[in-house]
Amino acid sequence: MSFQTSALPVQSGLVTITLYQKPTATTSGNITIFQGQSTILNANGGADYLWSNGETNSAISVTPSETKEYCVTVTNTSNCTDVICATVTVESPCDTAGTFFFPTAFSPNGDGENDYLRIYYGNMSCIKSLHLRC
């Protein structure tokens, strides 16, 4: 490489450029848990780790109260970085102690009382399937 300015004569020298490999960060992936549960998130691909919650281990235990994204910055020995994120989805647990009520009759006469045959349960989203037999 050479350069010249109006005040200096032509100068030349050798410049060495070193290229370092960027790390490839990976995680254990997205996961779904129920409220109150914990899960372990794992990161790989580097020498040092910094999670968005401040943790610095490659594996962290989290207990979010709501769905949350956790990102980790992975740094290799050349001080190069990569970032990857994983989402922990938090679902409400089924209320297994809830009251299940199924009317024994219905009267579809438009009076507002038992016009529809319905099943009543505290958390209807917990019912995955229902089989009725006569």
C-alpha atoms as a PDB file:
ATOM      1  CA  MET A   1       0.000   0.000   0.000  1.00  0.00           C
ATOM      2  CA  SER A   2       1.301   3.487  -0.706  1.00  0.00           C
ATOM      3  CA  PHE A   3       0.053   6.995  -0.126  1.00  0.00           C
ATOM      4  CA  GLN A   4       1.233  10.513  -0.792  1.00  0.00           C
ATOM      5  CA  THR A   5       0.390  13.939   0.584  1.00  0.00           C
ATOM      6  CA  SER A   6       1.547  17.306  -0.667  1.00  0.00           C
ATOM      7  CA  ALA A   7       3.800  17.751   2.376  1.00  0.00           C
ATOM      8  CA  LEU A   8       5.347  14.276   2.415  1.00  0.00           C
ATOM      9  CA  PRO A   9       7.053  12.145  -0.160  1.00  0.00           C
ATOM     10  CA  VAL A  10       5.534   8.882  -1.290  1.00  0.00           C
ATOM     11  CA  GLN A  11       5.332   6.400   1.573  1.00  0.00           C
ATOM     12  CA  SER A  12       4.753   2.696   1.310  1.00  0.00           C
ATOM     13  CA  GLY A  13       4.268  -0.067   3.815  1.00  0.00           C
ATOM     14  CA  LEU A  14       2.759  -3.432   4.450  1.00  0.00           C
ATOM     15  CA  VAL A  15      -0.702  -3.770   5.972  1.00  0.00           C
ATOM     16  CA  THR A  16      -1.859  -7.098   7.363  1.00  0.00           C
ATOM     17  CA  ILE A  17      -5.583  -7.743   7.517  1.00  0.00           C
ATOM     18  CA  THR A  18      -6.749 -10.670   9.609  1.00  0.00           C
ATOM     19  CA  LEU A  19     -10.239 -12.050   9.050  1.00  0.00           C
ATOM     20  CA  TYR A  20     -11.853 -13.926  11.913  1.00  0.00           C
ATOM     21  CA  GLN A  21     -14.637 -16.464  11.667  1.00  0.00           C
ATOM     22  CA  LYS A  22     -18.005 -15.237  12.924  1.00  0.00           C
ATOM     23  CA  PRO A  23     -19.637 -17.628  15.411  1.00  0.00           C
ATOM     24  CA  THR A  24     -22.911 -19.304  14.542  1.00  0.00           C
ATOM     25  CA  ALA A  25     -25.215 -19.008  17.541  1.00  0.00           C
ATOM     26  CA  THR A  26     -27.829 -21.688  18.116  1.00  0.00           C
ATOM     27  CA  THR A  27     -30.433 -22.212  20.831  1.00  0.00           C
ATOM     28  CA  SER A  28     -32.572 -25.073  21.998  1.00  0.00           C
ATOM     29  CA  GLY A  29     -35.422 -23.340  20.133  1.00  0.00           C
ATOM     30  CA  ASN A  30     -38.853 -21.988  20.970  1.00  0.00           C
ATOM     31  CA  ILE A  31     -40.753 -23.731  23.751  1.00  0.00           C
ATOM     32  CA  THR A  32     -44.215 -23.692  25.334  1.00  0.00           C
ATOM     33  CA  ILE A  33     -44.775 -24.026  29.085  1.00  0.00           C
ATOM     34  CA  PHE A  34     -47.667 -23.558  31.508  1.00  0.00           C
ATOM     35  CA  GLN A  35     -47.798 -20.642  33.953  1.00  0.00           C
ATOM     36  CA  GLY A  36     -45.577 -21.281  36.960  1.00  0.00           C
ATOM     37  CA  GLN A  37     -43.343 -23.766  35.162  1.00  0.00           C
ATOM     38  CA  SER A  38     -39.641 -23.307  34.468  1.00  0.00           C
ATOM     39  CA  THR A  39     -37.672 -24.267  31.397  1.00  0.00           C
ATOM     40  CA  ILE A  40     -34.006 -24.401  30.422  1.00  0.00           C
ATOM     41  CA  LEU A  41     -32.779 -22.442  27.398  1.00  0.00           C
ATOM     42  CA  ASN A  42     -29.461 -23.566  25.908  1.00  0.00           C
ATOM     43  CA  ALA A  43     -27.132 -21.626  23.619  1.00  0.00           C
ATOM     44  CA  ASN A  44     -24.167 -22.964  21.664  1.00  0.00           C
ATOM     45  CA  GLY A  45     -21.568 -21.717  19.225  1.00  0.00           C
ATOM     46  CA  GLY A  46     -19.274 -19.509  21.274  1.00  0.00           C
ATOM     47  CA  ALA A  47     -16.989 -19.046  24.247  1.00  0.00           C
ATOM     48  CA  ASP A  48     -19.019 -16.375  26.064  1.00  0.00           C
ATOM     49  CA  TYR A  49     -22.765 -15.801  26.332  1.00  0.00           C
ATOM     50  CA  LEU A  50     -24.868 -12.798  27.341  1.00  0.00           C
ATOM     51  CA  TRP A  51     -28.632 -13.288  27.555  1.00  0.00           C
ATOM     52  CA  SER A  52     -31.128 -10.429  27.369  1.00  0.00           C
ATOM     53  CA  ASN A  53     -31.972 -11.019  31.050  1.00  0.00           C
ATOM     54  CA  GLY A  54     -28.310 -10.490  32.057  1.00  0.00           C
ATOM     55  CA  GLU A  55     -27.394 -14.167  32.548  1.00  0.00           C
ATOM     56  CA  THR A  56     -23.935 -15.161  31.284  1.00  0.00           C
ATOM     57  CA  ASN A  57     -24.104 -18.967  31.228  1.00  0.00           C
ATOM     58  CA  SER A  58     -24.707 -20.993  28.083  1.00  0.00           C
ATOM     59  CA  ALA A  59     -27.768 -22.594  29.733  1.00  0.00           C
ATOM     60  CA  ILE A  60     -30.275 -20.567  31.741  1.00  0.00           C
ATOM     61  CA  SER A  61     -33.409 -21.436  33.691  1.00  0.00           C
ATOM     62  CA  VAL A  62     -36.375 -19.105  33.157  1.00  0.00           C
ATOM     63  CA  THR A  63     -39.866 -18.894  34.671  1.00  0.00           C
ATOM     64  CA  PRO A  64     -41.669 -16.156  32.742  1.00  0.00           C
ATOM     65  CA  SER A  65     -45.174 -15.174  33.844  1.00  0.00           C
ATOM     66  CA  GLU A  66     -46.134 -14.355  30.259  1.00  0.00           C
ATOM     67  CA  THR A  67     -44.839 -15.130  26.773  1.00  0.00           C
ATOM     68  CA  LYS A  68     -41.354 -13.675  26.419  1.00  0.00           C
ATOM     69  CA  GLU A  69     -38.492 -13.616  23.934  1.00  0.00           C
ATOM     70  CA  TYR A  70     -34.977 -14.294  25.216  1.00  0.00           C
ATOM     71  CA  CYS A  71     -32.039 -13.268  23.036  1.00  0.00           C
ATOM     72  CA  VAL A  72     -28.432 -14.334  23.542  1.00  0.00           C
ATOM     73  CA  THR A  73     -25.275 -12.728  22.207  1.00  0.00           C
ATOM     74  CA  VAL A  74     -22.671 -15.414  21.549  1.00  0.00           C
ATOM     75  CA  THR A  75     -19.025 -14.294  21.437  1.00  0.00           C
ATOM     76  CA  ASN A  76     -16.159 -16.460  20.182  1.00  0.00           C
ATOM     77  CA  THR A  77     -12.475 -16.323  21.180  1.00  0.00           C
ATOM     78  CA  SER A  78     -11.791 -13.763  18.418  1.00  0.00           C
ATOM     79  CA  ASN A  79     -14.362 -11.408  20.017  1.00  0.00           C
ATOM     80  CA  CYS A  80     -16.768 -11.809  17.087  1.00  0.00           C
ATOM     81  CA  THR A  81     -20.470 -12.028  17.910  1.00  0.00           C
ATOM     82  CA  ASP A  82     -23.750 -13.475  16.713  1.00  0.00           C
ATOM     83  CA  VAL A  83     -27.235 -13.025  18.194  1.00  0.00           C
ATOM     84  CA  ILE A  84     -30.147 -15.463  18.242  1.00  0.00           C
ATOM     85  CA  CYS A  85     -33.489 -15.408  20.056  1.00  0.00           C
ATOM     86  CA  ALA A  86     -35.896 -18.006  21.425  1.00  0.00           C
ATOM     87  CA  THR A  87     -39.492 -17.439  22.513  1.00  0.00           C
ATOM     88  CA  VAL A  88     -40.964 -19.039  25.613  1.00  0.00           C
ATOM     89  CA  THR A  89     -44.748 -19.152  25.176  1.00  0.00           C
ATOM     90  CA  VAL A  90     -46.680 -19.271  28.453  1.00  0.00           C
ATOM     91  CA  GLU A  91     -50.121 -20.884  28.458  1.00  0.00           C
ATOM     92  CA  SER A  92     -52.685 -20.985  31.251  1.00  0.00           C
ATOM     93  CA  PRO A  93     -52.944 -24.410  32.825  1.00  0.00           C
ATOM     94  CA  CYS A  94     -56.227 -26.273  32.729  1.00  0.00           C
ATOM     95  CA  ASP A  95     -58.272 -25.998  35.896  1.00  0.00           C
ATOM     96  CA  THR A  96     -58.605 -29.678  36.715  1.00  0.00           C
ATOM     97  CA  ALA A  97     -60.496 -28.859  39.911  1.00  0.00           C
ATOM     98  CA  GLY A  98     -63.145 -26.879  38.028  1.00  0.00           C
ATOM     99  CA  THR A  99     -66.823 -27.688  37.969  1.00  0.00           C
ATOM    100  CA  PHE A 100     -68.120 -29.522  34.942  1.00  0.00           C
ATOM    101  CA  PHE A 101     -71.837 -29.109  34.274  1.00  0.00           C
ATOM    102  CA  PHE A 102     -73.857 -30.724  31.505  1.00  0.00           C
ATOM    103  CA  PRO A 103     -77.635 -30.094  31.603  1.00  0.00           C
ATOM    104  CA  THR A 104     -79.803 -33.185  31.375  1.00  0.00           C
ATOM    105  CA  ALA A 105     -82.401 -31.394  29.244  1.00  0.00           C
ATOM    106  CA  PHE A 106     -82.853 -28.292  27.120  1.00  0.00           C
ATOM    107  CA  SER A 107     -85.893 -26.375  25.937  1.00  0.00           C
ATOM    108  CA  PRO A 108     -85.274 -24.463  22.712  1.00  0.00           C
ATOM    109  CA  ASN A 109     -88.392 -22.293  23.063  1.00  0.00           C
ATOM    110  CA  GLY A 110     -86.730 -18.851  23.030  1.00  0.00           C
ATOM    111  CA  ASP A 111     -87.383 -17.989  26.686  1.00  0.00           C
ATOM    112  CA  GLY A 112     -83.649 -17.566  27.444  1.00  0.00           C
ATOM    113  CA  GLU A 113     -83.524 -20.596  29.758  1.00  0.00           C
ATOM    114  CA  ASN A 114     -81.707 -23.664  28.442  1.00  0.00           C
ATOM    115  CA  ASP A 115     -82.367 -22.711  24.816  1.00  0.00           C
ATOM    116  CA  TYR A 116     -79.070 -24.315  23.790  1.00  0.00           C
ATOM    117  CA  LEU A 117     -77.481 -27.580  24.812  1.00  0.00           C
ATOM    118  CA  ARG A 118     -74.147 -26.435  26.249  1.00  0.00           C
ATOM    119  CA  ILE A 119     -71.382 -27.831  28.367  1.00  0.00           C
ATOM    120  CA  TYR A 120     -70.231 -25.585  31.187  1.00  0.00           C
ATOM    121  CA  TYR A 121     -66.688 -25.763  32.498  1.00  0.00           C
ATOM    122  CA  GLY A 122     -64.374 -23.157  34.026  1.00  0.00           C
ATOM    123  CA  ASN A 123     -61.787 -23.156  31.242  1.00  0.00           C
ATOM    124  CA  MET A 124     -63.419 -24.337  28.018  1.00  0.00           C
ATOM    125  CA  SER A 125     -60.134 -24.113  26.100  1.00  0.00           C
ATOM    126  CA  CYS A 126     -58.904 -27.100  28.128  1.00  0.00           C
ATOM    127  CA  ILE A 127     -61.467 -29.465  26.624  1.00  0.00           C
ATOM    128  CA  LYS A 128     -59.706 -31.140  23.710  1.00  0.00           C
ATOM    129  CA  SER A 129     -62.415 -33.610  22.729  1.00  0.00           C
ATOM    130  CA  LEU A 130     -65.826 -34.757  23.906  1.00  0.00           C
ATOM    131  CA  HIS A 131     -67.682 -37.963  23.098  1.00  0.00           C
ATOM    132  CA  LEU A 132     -71.404 -38.320  23.834  1.00  0.00           C
ATOM    133  CA  ARG A 133     -72.995 -41.744  23.858  1.00  0.00           C
ATOM    134  CA  CYS A 134     -76.663 -42.537  24.146  1.00  0.00           C
END
